Amino acid sequence: MGFFDRFSGKKTASAPGENPAPATAPVTPADAVPRLAAARAKLEAKDLPGALAIYEELLAVAGDRADVLVAISGDLGARGHVAQIIEFVAPRYDAERHGPATGINLLQAYLVTRNADAAQHVLDILFALNRPELEQRLHGFSNAIAEMIHERHAPLDPGAVAQIAEVTKIGLITISKPIWSYGLEALAAQVLPTKEGRLRKIAFAQLALPGAYADLAAAMAQPEDELCRLSRALPVWLAETFYFSTAYAPVAAVGVMHRPGLPAQAMIFAAEWSAENLRQLVETSEGLDYIFTGALHVAGEELELILRVWEVKKLRERKTFTAKWTRATADVELAKLHEQVRAFMEWKPAGAGLGYTVPPQPRAWLDTLGASLGAFLVDKNILPKESFAMPEAVLAAEAARAAAGETASLAYLTLRARLTKAMGVPAPANVALVESALVTQASNLPS
């Protein structure tokens, strides 16, 4: 999913005695699509020199084609070869001829290498296109560049970036059921609706947090804070909502960074995913129909959410939702957003399992889901214990909310089971739960 999804370890030079595999035949413009596929196969096989050899031949005859440049920049970025995007694409990019998608990929490459001057130059070119649908995203990039300049970071050497890509890997963890239902498999028939027939597959991606952190690496090294948890909890909430629908098979996708010899870290995305990033996701996910992406922006005490719906078949943006809230208005505004999303996607409740109801306090429910996701990742040894901040306080807060409804009680029980098992947190005593046969059965399940 573009280079904000994962940096895969790739060799940046041939080993002694090795030569890049030559193209099997002279390249013509008509060969563009199969040659791009061949280069992509080389990248997947960790043969960067072989892919670059194909790109050189292809660019010599089809370097003016917009589809060629966007594919090359996207494929290289998806596998962490940021320096090669700058080397191969930057000298050829013309915004009027090639459009904004390649420019955005190039802009992100300059942001990764922390070359603020080059990034600003590309941003100015993109603004000059006067594309209203891009303005919000471009303003987000502008804020990121401004912070970079303010911090006086020097550009990283492209060779150093290649070394980072060599050892860093960022992958997606997908959650295909309501996060609190993991651990209730023995009661699945009573809890979850039955899925039958042709279902529309929909993915909800972790939200970006552009400009939220002065030092992104330092933020990822710390235990998850409220904003990070919210960026993951919102897609988990929407995926849960669509699980309790007759027509959808949803997943929520969150990022995790892995580096050799170091604990895994929950990923923070600094920029929204582009159309090219989404194309990469589609290639690795079978049968997706829709993808939701977006970003959270912080402005003082106010949060602004931008949520985009992408139709996968045509890889086009179908709809943009926006919402703004403070702590005082969060429940009202989040409920409005939830209703708008359900209406646009023609959401209908499933007839089996638990009856779905919109939580009366959406902001508190997001805390529950965020905590459940974090505990799940720790319990499955995906993230270290240290990534979960203040587990005793979190469990105590969830205990106080456990009687809000049957789903809240079930969510508390599975969260308690994970935190007591994986982190040794003592279980609170005398917690009030909803009185129902289902909750009683869940309470008696082995932990």
Protein backbone atom coordinates (compact mmCIF):
# COMPACT_ATOMS: atom_id res chain seq x y z
CA MET A 1 0.00 0.00 0.00
CA GLY A 2 2.52 2.57 -1.05
CA PHE A 3 5.51 3.38 1.05
CA PHE A 4 3.34 4.52 3.96
CA ASP A 5 2.08 0.94 4.23
CA ARG A 6 5.26 -1.05 4.50
CA PHE A 7 9.01 -0.78 3.91
CA SER A 8 10.12 -4.20 2.72
CA GLY A 9 13.75 -5.24 2.96
CA LYS A 10 15.24 -5.08 -0.51
CA LYS A 11 18.79 -5.14 -1.83
CA THR A 12 19.83 -1.87 -3.42
CA ALA A 13 22.83 -3.19 -5.29
CA SER A 14 23.93 -6.40 -6.92
CA ALA A 15 26.10 -8.77 -4.99
CA PRO A 16 29.59 -9.39 -6.41
CA GLY A 17 29.38 -11.38 -9.60
CA GLU A 18 25.66 -10.70 -10.09
CA ASN A 19 24.21 -8.76 -13.00
CA PRO A 20 20.70 -7.42 -13.43
CA ALA A 21 18.56 -9.74 -15.52
CA PRO A 22 18.27 -8.18 -18.99
CA ALA A 23 14.97 -7.60 -20.71
CA THR A 24 14.04 -10.47 -22.94
CA ALA A 25 13.14 -8.26 -25.89
CA PRO A 26 13.39 -4.62 -27.00
CA VAL A 27 10.75 -2.51 -25.31
CA THR A 28 8.13 -0.59 -27.27
CA PRO A 29 5.34 1.70 -25.98
CA ALA A 30 2.85 -1.11 -26.55
CA ASP A 31 4.82 -3.26 -24.08
CA ALA A 32 4.22 -0.87 -21.16
CA VAL A 33 1.65 -2.88 -19.22
CA PRO A 34 3.37 -6.29 -19.42
CA ARG A 35 6.79 -4.74 -18.77
CA LEU A 36 5.46 -2.95 -15.69
CA ALA A 37 4.11 -6.28 -14.50
CA ALA A 38 7.49 -7.89 -15.16
CA ALA A 39 9.26 -5.17 -13.16
CA ARG A 40 6.77 -5.60 -10.33
CA ALA A 41 7.54 -9.33 -10.30
CA LYS A 42 11.24 -8.50 -10.02
CA LEU A 43 10.52 -6.27 -7.02
CA GLU A 44 8.48 -9.00 -5.38
CA ALA A 45 11.41 -11.38 -5.95
CA LYS A 46 13.73 -8.85 -4.24
CA ASP A 47 15.55 -8.17 -7.49
CA LEU A 48 15.73 -4.39 -7.47
CA PRO A 49 18.49 -4.18 -10.12
CA GLY A 50 16.42 -6.33 -12.47
CA ALA A 51 13.37 -4.11 -11.98
CA LEU A 52 15.41 -0.95 -12.54
CA ALA A 53 16.80 -2.36 -15.78
CA ILE A 54 13.26 -2.85 -17.04
CA TYR A 55 12.27 0.65 -15.91
CA GLU A 56 15.23 2.20 -17.76
CA GLU A 57 14.24 0.53 -21.02
CA LEU A 58 10.58 1.36 -20.57
CA LEU A 59 11.19 5.00 -19.68
CA ALA A 60 13.33 5.43 -22.78
CA VAL A 61 10.31 4.78 -25.02
CA ALA A 62 7.30 5.55 -22.81
CA GLY A 63 8.59 7.95 -20.18
CA ASP A 64 6.03 10.60 -21.11
CA ARG A 65 3.06 8.36 -20.30
CA ALA A 66 1.25 9.27 -17.10
CA ASP A 67 0.26 5.67 -16.36
CA VAL A 68 3.87 4.53 -16.65
CA LEU A 69 5.24 7.11 -14.22
CA VAL A 70 2.49 6.63 -11.66
CA ALA A 71 2.94 2.85 -11.77
CA ILE A 72 6.72 3.05 -11.39
CA SER A 73 6.56 5.53 -8.51
CA GLY A 74 3.85 3.52 -6.78
CA ASP A 75 5.55 0.15 -7.18
CA LEU A 76 8.90 1.45 -5.94
CA GLY A 77 7.28 3.28 -3.06
CA ALA A 78 5.26 0.25 -2.02
CA ARG A 79 8.48 -1.63 -1.40
CA GLY A 80 10.45 1.13 0.27
CA HIS A 81 12.69 2.14 -2.64
CA VAL A 82 12.23 5.84 -2.04
CA ALA A 83 15.60 6.96 -3.40
CA GLN A 84 14.83 5.25 -6.70
CA ILE A 85 11.55 7.18 -7.05
CA ILE A 86 13.53 10.40 -6.87
CA GLU A 87 16.18 9.10 -9.27
CA PHE A 88 13.86 7.73 -11.94
CA VAL A 89 10.69 9.82 -11.69
CA ALA A 90 11.72 13.31 -10.58
CA PRO A 91 13.67 14.22 -13.77
CA ARG A 92 10.72 13.24 -15.98
CA TYR A 93 7.74 14.49 -14.00
CA ASP A 94 5.63 17.20 -15.63
CA ALA A 95 2.46 17.99 -13.67
CA GLU A 96 0.43 19.16 -16.66
CA ARG A 97 1.29 16.08 -18.68
CA HIS A 98 1.41 13.41 -15.96
CA GLY A 99 -1.24 14.60 -13.51
CA PRO A 100 -1.22 14.83 -9.71
CA ALA A 101 -0.95 11.15 -8.69
CA THR A 102 2.71 10.79 -9.63
CA GLY A 103 3.43 14.18 -8.10
CA ILE A 104 1.94 13.11 -4.80
CA ASN A 105 4.07 9.95 -4.81
CA LEU A 106 7.15 12.05 -5.55
CA LEU A 107 6.21 14.56 -2.86
CA GLN A 108 5.91 11.77 -0.31
CA ALA A 109 9.32 10.44 -1.36
CA TYR A 110 10.86 13.82 -0.61
CA LEU A 111 9.05 13.90 2.74
CA VAL A 112 10.46 10.48 3.65
CA THR A 113 13.98 11.65 2.77
CA ARG A 114 13.25 14.88 4.70
CA ASN A 115 14.17 17.07 1.73
CA ALA A 116 11.92 20.01 2.55
CA ASP A 117 13.04 22.23 -0.34
CA ALA A 118 12.32 19.61 -3.00
CA ALA A 119 9.04 18.67 -1.34
CA GLN A 120 7.96 22.33 -1.29
CA HIS A 121 8.82 22.68 -4.99
CA VAL A 122 6.62 19.69 -5.91
CA LEU A 123 3.86 20.97 -3.62
CA ASP A 124 3.88 24.36 -5.37
CA ILE A 125 3.55 22.60 -8.72
CA LEU A 126 0.60 20.57 -7.46
CA PHE A 127 -1.15 23.63 -6.04
CA ALA A 128 -0.71 25.31 -9.43
CA LEU A 129 -2.89 22.62 -11.01
CA ASN A 130 -5.89 24.24 -9.25
CA ARG A 131 -7.59 20.95 -8.45
CA PRO A 132 -10.18 21.64 -5.70
CA GLU A 133 -10.48 17.97 -4.77
CA LEU A 134 -6.77 17.95 -3.82
CA GLU A 135 -6.71 21.07 -1.67
CA GLN A 136 -7.26 19.45 1.72
CA ARG A 137 -4.58 16.85 1.13
CA LEU A 138 -2.13 19.42 -0.19
CA HIS A 139 -2.67 21.63 2.85
CA GLY A 140 -1.83 18.60 4.99
CA PHE A 141 1.44 18.17 3.08
CA SER A 142 2.10 21.89 3.48
CA ASN A 143 1.81 21.58 7.26
CA ALA A 144 4.21 18.62 7.28
CA ILE A 145 6.77 20.56 5.25
CA ALA A 146 6.44 23.61 7.49
CA GLU A 147 7.12 21.49 10.57
CA MET A 148 10.11 19.90 8.87
CA ILE A 149 11.58 23.30 8.08
CA HIS A 150 10.88 24.50 11.61
CA GLU A 151 12.69 21.52 13.09
CA ARG A 152 15.71 22.28 10.86
CA HIS A 153 16.16 18.65 9.88
CA ALA A 154 18.79 18.15 7.22
CA PRO A 155 17.88 15.94 4.26
CA LEU A 156 18.81 12.30 4.72
CA ASP A 157 21.31 10.82 2.32
CA PRO A 158 19.45 8.54 -0.15
CA GLY A 159 21.91 5.79 0.72
CA ALA A 160 20.90 6.07 4.36
CA VAL A 161 17.25 5.82 3.37
CA ALA A 162 18.05 2.64 1.43
CA GLN A 163 19.69 1.21 4.56
CA ILE A 164 16.58 2.06 6.59
CA ALA A 165 14.41 0.31 4.03
CA GLU A 166 16.74 -2.69 4.22
CA VAL A 167 15.96 -3.31 7.89
CA THR A 168 12.49 -1.84 8.36
CA LYS A 169 9.28 -3.64 7.53
CA ILE A 170 5.79 -2.27 8.03
CA GLY A 171 2.85 -4.60 7.59
CA LEU A 172 -0.89 -4.48 7.97
CA ILE A 173 -2.84 -6.32 10.64
CA THR A 174 -6.41 -6.93 9.49
CA ILE A 175 -9.30 -7.43 11.89
CA SER A 176 -12.19 -9.27 10.24
CA LYS A 177 -14.63 -9.49 13.18
CA PRO A 178 -15.70 -7.08 15.95
CA ILE A 179 -12.56 -6.78 18.04
CA TRP A 180 -14.37 -7.61 21.29
CA SER A 181 -15.76 -10.86 19.81
CA TYR A 182 -12.36 -12.56 19.73
CA GLY A 183 -12.51 -14.89 22.72
CA LEU A 184 -16.25 -15.49 22.39
CA GLU A 185 -15.97 -18.10 19.62
CA ALA A 186 -17.97 -20.61 21.67
CA LEU A 187 -20.90 -18.17 21.55
CA ALA A 188 -20.44 -17.03 17.95
CA ALA A 189 -23.87 -18.25 16.81
CA GLN A 190 -25.52 -16.09 19.47
CA VAL A 191 -23.25 -13.08 19.10
CA LEU A 192 -22.44 -12.69 15.41
CA PRO A 193 -24.77 -12.59 12.40
CA THR A 194 -24.62 -15.30 9.75
CA LYS A 195 -23.04 -14.14 6.49
CA GLU A 196 -24.52 -15.59 3.31
CA GLY A 197 -24.66 -14.85 -0.40
CA ARG A 198 -22.64 -12.27 -2.32
CA LEU A 199 -21.16 -9.83 0.17
CA ARG A 200 -19.57 -6.51 -0.66
CA LYS A 201 -16.05 -6.47 0.73
CA ILE A 202 -15.05 -3.25 2.42
CA ALA A 203 -11.84 -2.19 4.17
CA PHE A 204 -11.43 0.56 6.76
CA ALA A 205 -7.84 1.81 6.91
CA GLN A 206 -6.07 3.29 9.91
CA LEU A 207 -6.35 7.06 9.80
CA ALA A 208 -3.38 9.29 9.06
CA LEU A 209 -2.28 11.95 11.57
CA PRO A 210 -0.60 14.59 9.39
CA GLY A 211 1.41 17.14 11.33
CA ALA A 212 0.37 15.75 14.72
CA TYR A 213 3.88 14.93 15.94
CA ALA A 214 7.08 16.95 15.65
CA ASP A 215 9.13 13.75 15.88
CA LEU A 216 7.25 10.82 14.36
CA ALA A 217 9.88 8.22 15.27
CA ALA A 218 9.88 9.32 18.90
CA ALA A 219 6.07 9.21 19.01
CA MET A 220 6.01 5.63 17.70
CA ALA A 221 8.56 4.59 20.31
CA GLN A 222 6.26 5.71 23.14
CA PRO A 223 3.17 3.92 24.49
CA GLU A 224 0.07 4.63 22.45
CA ASP A 225 -1.49 8.00 23.29
CA GLU A 226 -5.13 9.07 22.93
CA LEU A 227 -4.77 10.43 19.40
CA CYS A 228 -3.01 7.32 18.08
CA ARG A 229 -5.60 5.08 19.70
CA LEU A 230 -8.37 7.11 18.10
CA SER A 231 -6.78 6.81 14.64
CA ARG A 232 -7.15 3.02 14.95
CA ALA A 233 -10.40 2.89 16.89
CA LEU A 234 -12.46 4.82 14.31
CA PRO A 235 -11.88 2.30 11.49
CA VAL A 236 -12.42 -0.55 13.96
CA TRP A 237 -15.78 0.99 14.91
CA LEU A 238 -16.87 1.34 11.31
CA ALA A 239 -15.78 -2.21 10.50
CA GLU A 240 -17.75 -3.46 13.52
CA THR A 241 -20.81 -1.54 12.31
CA PHE A 242 -20.67 -3.10 8.86
CA TYR A 243 -20.12 -6.57 10.28
CA PHE A 244 -23.65 -6.30 11.69
CA SER A 245 -25.07 -5.64 8.22
CA THR A 246 -26.64 -8.02 5.76
CA ALA A 247 -24.58 -6.97 2.75
CA TYR A 248 -20.96 -6.45 3.86
CA ALA A 249 -17.82 -8.38 4.75
CA PRO A 250 -15.63 -5.73 6.42
CA VAL A 251 -12.06 -5.60 7.69
CA ALA A 252 -10.17 -2.97 9.65
CA ALA A 253 -6.50 -2.53 8.77
CA VAL A 254 -3.84 -1.10 11.13
CA GLY A 255 -0.09 -0.79 10.64
CA VAL A 256 2.74 -2.30 12.70
CA MET A 257 6.45 -1.56 12.20
CA HIS A 258 9.09 -4.28 12.61
CA ARG A 259 12.83 -3.74 12.83
CA PRO A 260 15.42 -6.46 13.53
CA GLY A 261 16.46 -6.58 17.16
CA LEU A 262 13.87 -4.05 18.32
CA PRO A 263 10.31 -4.41 19.66
CA ALA A 264 7.50 -3.95 17.19
CA GLN A 265 5.82 -0.55 17.16
CA ALA A 266 2.32 0.57 16.31
CA MET A 267 2.58 2.55 13.08
CA ILE A 268 1.61 6.20 12.77
CA PHE A 269 0.80 7.28 9.21
CA ALA A 270 1.95 10.82 8.48
CA ALA A 271 -0.02 11.30 5.25
CA GLU A 272 -3.23 10.09 3.70
CA TRP A 273 -3.11 7.16 1.34
CA SER A 274 -3.20 8.10 -2.35
CA ALA A 275 -4.99 6.32 -5.18
CA GLU A 276 -1.73 4.54 -5.99
CA ASN A 277 -1.39 3.36 -2.38
CA LEU A 278 -4.86 1.92 -2.64
CA ARG A 279 -4.00 0.10 -5.83
CA GLN A 280 -1.24 -1.66 -3.94
CA LEU A 281 -3.71 -2.71 -1.24
CA VAL A 282 -6.12 -4.08 -3.82
CA GLU A 283 -3.36 -6.21 -5.32
CA THR A 284 -2.77 -7.91 -1.97
CA SER A 285 -6.42 -8.18 -0.85
CA GLU A 286 -8.84 -10.39 -2.69
CA GLY A 287 -12.11 -9.00 -3.99
CA LEU A 288 -12.30 -5.60 -2.26
CA ASP A 289 -15.20 -3.44 -3.41
CA TYR A 290 -14.70 -0.34 -1.25
CA ILE A 291 -11.96 1.17 0.89
CA PHE A 292 -12.33 3.91 3.50
CA THR A 293 -9.28 6.07 4.18
CA GLY A 294 -8.85 9.38 5.93
CA ALA A 295 -7.02 11.61 8.35
CA LEU A 296 -7.42 13.28 11.71
CA HIS A 297 -6.27 16.88 12.04
CA VAL A 298 -5.69 18.58 15.37
CA ALA A 299 -6.49 22.30 15.73
CA GLY A 300 -6.22 23.34 19.36
CA GLU A 301 -9.02 21.63 21.27
CA GLU A 302 -10.81 20.61 18.08
CA LEU A 303 -10.39 17.45 16.02
CA GLU A 304 -11.32 17.31 12.34
CA LEU A 305 -11.90 14.01 10.58
CA ILE A 306 -11.75 13.66 6.80
CA LEU A 307 -13.08 10.30 5.63
CA ARG A 308 -12.93 9.17 2.00
CA VAL A 309 -14.77 6.32 0.28
CA TRP A 310 -12.99 4.71 -2.65
CA GLU A 311 -14.69 2.50 -5.20
CA VAL A 312 -12.13 -0.17 -5.99
CA LYS A 313 -13.39 -1.20 -9.44
CA LYS A 314 -12.65 2.20 -10.94
CA LEU A 315 -10.22 3.24 -8.19
CA ARG A 316 -11.99 6.55 -7.76
CA GLU A 317 -13.07 8.55 -4.78
CA ARG A 318 -16.84 8.29 -4.37
CA LYS A 319 -17.54 10.43 -1.35
CA THR A 320 -15.85 12.54 1.32
CA PHE A 321 -17.24 12.91 4.83
CA THR A 322 -16.04 15.51 7.30
CA ALA A 323 -16.69 15.97 10.99
CA LYS A 324 -15.35 18.32 13.64
CA TRP A 325 -15.69 17.94 17.39
CA THR A 326 -14.37 18.92 20.77
CA ARG A 327 -14.68 16.84 23.91
CA ALA A 328 -18.00 18.53 24.62
CA THR A 329 -19.48 17.85 21.17
CA ALA A 330 -17.84 14.52 20.31
CA ASP A 331 -20.85 12.26 20.93
CA VAL A 332 -23.24 14.37 18.85
CA GLU A 333 -20.87 14.86 15.91
CA LEU A 334 -19.64 11.26 15.81
CA ALA A 335 -23.24 10.00 15.86
CA LYS A 336 -24.03 12.28 12.89
CA LEU A 337 -21.03 11.00 10.98
CA HIS A 338 -21.94 7.40 11.73
CA GLU A 339 -25.46 7.96 10.43
CA GLN A 340 -24.20 9.64 7.25
CA VAL A 341 -21.82 6.78 6.48
CA ARG A 342 -24.53 4.16 7.04
CA ALA A 343 -26.99 6.03 4.84
CA PHE A 344 -24.54 6.51 1.98
CA MET A 345 -23.50 2.84 2.00
CA GLU A 346 -27.14 1.68 2.32
CA TRP A 347 -26.40 -0.14 5.54
CA LYS A 348 -29.14 -2.50 6.75
CA PRO A 349 -29.01 -4.42 10.04
CA ALA A 350 -28.47 -8.15 10.01
CA GLY A 351 -31.28 -10.27 11.41
CA ALA A 352 -29.25 -12.73 13.46
CA GLY A 353 -26.79 -12.49 16.33
CA LEU A 354 -26.81 -9.48 18.62
CA GLY A 355 -29.05 -6.69 17.43
CA TYR A 356 -26.82 -3.76 16.48
CA THR A 357 -27.50 -0.42 18.14
CA VAL A 358 -25.50 2.76 17.74
CA PRO A 359 -23.72 3.41 21.05
CA PRO A 360 -25.32 6.31 22.93
CA GLN A 361 -21.83 7.62 23.77
CA PRO A 362 -19.71 7.01 20.66
CA ARG A 363 -16.59 8.66 22.07
CA ALA A 364 -16.52 6.32 25.08
CA TRP A 365 -17.16 3.33 22.82
CA LEU A 366 -14.16 4.34 20.70
CA ASP A 367 -12.04 4.21 23.86
CA THR A 368 -13.36 0.70 24.50
CA LEU A 369 -12.57 -0.44 20.97
CA GLY A 370 -9.13 1.17 20.99
CA ALA A 371 -8.27 -0.52 24.28
CA SER A 372 -9.61 -3.85 23.00
CA LEU A 373 -7.49 -3.60 19.86
CA GLY A 374 -4.34 -2.73 21.81
CA ALA A 375 -4.88 -5.58 24.26
CA PHE A 376 -5.56 -7.97 21.36
CA LEU A 377 -2.26 -7.05 19.67
CA VAL A 378 -0.35 -7.52 22.92
CA ASP A 379 -2.10 -10.81 23.69
CA LYS A 380 -1.18 -12.14 20.21
CA ASN A 381 2.47 -11.06 20.73
CA ILE A 382 2.24 -8.63 17.84
CA LEU A 383 3.09 -5.64 20.04
CA PRO A 384 5.04 -5.59 23.33
CA LYS A 385 3.38 -4.98 26.69
CA GLU A 386 5.06 -1.58 26.88
CA SER A 387 2.96 -0.32 23.96
CA PHE A 388 -0.19 -0.42 26.10
CA ALA A 389 -0.29 2.61 28.39
CA MET A 390 -1.71 2.37 31.95
CA PRO A 391 -3.53 -0.98 31.61
CA GLU A 392 -4.87 -0.94 35.19
CA ALA A 393 -6.47 2.48 34.70
CA VAL A 394 -7.88 1.45 31.31
CA LEU A 395 -9.47 -1.71 32.74
CA ALA A 396 -10.94 0.24 35.65
CA ALA A 397 -12.48 2.77 33.23
CA GLU A 398 -13.95 -0.02 31.12
CA ALA A 399 -15.34 -1.71 34.23
CA ALA A 400 -17.28 1.46 34.99
CA ARG A 401 -18.83 1.34 31.50
CA ALA A 402 -19.51 -2.39 31.39
CA ALA A 403 -23.18 -2.10 32.36
CA ALA A 404 -24.00 0.27 29.50
CA GLY A 405 -25.36 -2.59 27.38
CA GLU A 406 -24.97 -6.22 26.45
CA THR A 407 -22.22 -5.47 23.94
CA ALA A 408 -20.39 -3.30 26.47
CA SER A 409 -20.46 -6.14 28.99
CA LEU A 410 -19.08 -8.60 26.44
CA ALA A 411 -16.37 -6.15 25.42
CA TYR A 412 -15.36 -5.70 29.05
CA LEU A 413 -15.14 -9.45 29.61
CA THR A 414 -12.84 -10.08 26.65
CA LEU A 415 -10.69 -7.04 27.50
CA ARG A 416 -10.39 -8.23 31.10
CA ALA A 417 -9.39 -11.70 29.94
CA ARG A 418 -6.62 -10.31 27.73
CA LEU A 419 -5.20 -7.80 30.18
CA THR A 420 -5.15 -10.25 33.08
CA LYS A 421 -3.58 -12.97 30.92
CA ALA A 422 -1.11 -11.01 28.83
CA MET A 423 -0.16 -8.25 31.26
CA GLY A 424 -0.99 -9.59 34.71
CA VAL A 425 -3.45 -6.78 35.46
CA PRO A 426 -5.61 -7.58 38.51
CA ALA A 427 -9.30 -7.88 37.66
CA PRO A 428 -11.51 -5.25 39.35
CA ALA A 429 -13.94 -6.67 41.91
CA ASN A 430 -17.74 -6.33 41.93
CA VAL A 431 -18.08 -5.06 38.35
CA ALA A 432 -21.70 -4.51 37.32
CA LEU A 433 -22.65 -6.26 34.10
CA VAL A 434 -25.86 -6.43 32.13
CA GLU A 435 -28.06 -9.22 33.43
CA SER A 436 -28.66 -11.50 30.46
CA ALA A 437 -28.22 -15.16 29.66
CA LEU A 438 -25.62 -14.33 27.01
CA VAL A 439 -23.49 -12.26 29.38
CA THR A 440 -23.74 -14.97 32.04
CA GLN A 441 -22.54 -17.57 29.53
CA ALA A 442 -19.66 -15.31 28.49
CA SER A 443 -18.71 -14.75 32.12
CA ASN A 444 -18.35 -18.50 32.61
CA LEU A 445 -16.15 -19.14 29.58
CA PRO A 446 -12.58 -20.27 30.41
CA SER A 447 -10.13 -17.41 30.09
